[in-house]
Amino acid sequence: MPSLAVSVRIDPEVKDRLSSIARLERRTTSDVIKLAIEHYLATYDELHPQFRADILAGLREMREGKATPYVSG
């Protein structure tokens, strides 16, 4: 399957960090971004369902009075 070009806006600091990593790994910035996206997609399917389940369990415990909400400050 042919590659697809995608445009994205990122902060200059992020671009600089990606460029630094690319130089260290002797890759193109595009390759580093591609690897990061592939990693995100692979872990999303593994982590996201558990993250959602944990949030729902926490909300249920709060409704049942078994947990205390965290308040920053």
Protein backbone atom coordinates (compact mmCIF):
# COMPACT_ATOMS: atom_id res chain seq x y z
CA MET A 1 0.00 0.00 0.00
CA PRO A 2 1.44 3.42 -0.88
CA SER A 3 2.24 5.91 1.86
CA LEU A 4 -0.03 8.87 2.47
CA ALA A 5 1.27 12.36 3.21
CA VAL A 6 -0.39 14.12 6.14
CA SER A 7 0.05 17.70 7.34
CA VAL A 8 -0.01 18.51 11.03
CA ARG A 9 0.74 21.61 13.09
CA ILE A 10 3.02 21.17 16.09
CA ASP A 11 4.73 23.54 18.48
CA PRO A 12 8.28 24.54 17.57
CA GLU A 13 9.58 22.84 20.74
CA VAL A 14 8.03 19.54 19.66
CA LYS A 15 9.53 19.86 16.19
CA ASP A 16 12.96 20.57 17.69
CA ARG A 17 12.68 17.53 19.96
CA LEU A 18 11.62 15.30 17.07
CA SER A 19 14.50 16.60 14.96
CA SER A 20 16.97 15.93 17.79
CA ILE A 21 15.73 12.38 18.22
CA ALA A 22 15.87 11.81 14.47
CA ARG A 23 19.49 12.97 14.34
CA LEU A 24 20.44 10.76 17.29
CA GLU A 25 18.80 7.72 15.70
CA ARG A 26 20.02 8.57 12.18
CA ARG A 27 16.46 8.66 10.90
CA THR A 28 14.38 11.27 9.17
CA THR A 29 11.99 13.33 11.28
CA SER A 30 9.21 11.82 9.19
CA ASP A 31 10.34 8.29 10.19
CA VAL A 32 10.35 9.25 13.89
CA ILE A 33 6.84 10.68 13.61
CA LYS A 34 5.66 7.57 11.74
CA LEU A 35 7.10 5.31 14.46
CA ALA A 36 5.50 7.43 17.20
CA ILE A 37 2.08 7.20 15.53
CA GLU A 38 2.44 3.44 15.02
CA HIS A 39 3.38 3.03 18.69
CA TYR A 40 0.44 5.17 19.81
CA LEU A 41 -2.00 3.14 17.73
CA ALA A 42 -0.61 -0.17 18.98
CA THR A 43 -0.82 0.81 22.65
CA TYR A 44 -4.13 2.66 22.31
CA ASP A 45 -6.05 -0.55 21.72
CA GLU A 46 -4.32 -2.16 24.71
CA LEU A 47 -4.48 0.71 27.19
CA HIS A 48 -7.59 2.64 26.29
CA PRO A 49 -10.18 -0.01 27.25
CA GLN A 50 -8.54 -0.50 30.68
CA PHE A 51 -8.25 3.26 31.23
CA ARG A 52 -11.96 3.66 30.47
CA ALA A 53 -12.84 0.73 32.73
CA ASP A 54 -10.80 2.25 35.58
CA ILE A 55 -12.55 5.61 35.21
CA LEU A 56 -15.98 3.99 35.19
CA ALA A 57 -15.09 1.91 38.26
CA GLY A 58 -13.88 5.03 40.07
CA LEU A 59 -17.07 6.91 39.25
CA ARG A 60 -19.15 3.97 40.43
CA GLU A 61 -17.20 3.86 43.71
CA MET A 62 -17.73 7.59 44.17
CA ARG A 63 -21.49 7.23 43.65
CA GLU A 64 -21.55 4.39 46.17
CA GLY A 65 -19.57 6.43 48.69
CA LYS A 66 -16.61 4.04 48.59
CA ALA A 67 -14.11 6.56 47.19
CA THR A 68 -13.18 10.14 47.91
CA PRO A 69 -12.70 12.45 44.91
CA TYR A 70 -9.22 13.95 44.59
CA VAL A 71 -9.18 17.73 44.84
CA SER A 72 -6.03 19.60 43.91
CA GLY A 73 -5.12 22.70 45.76
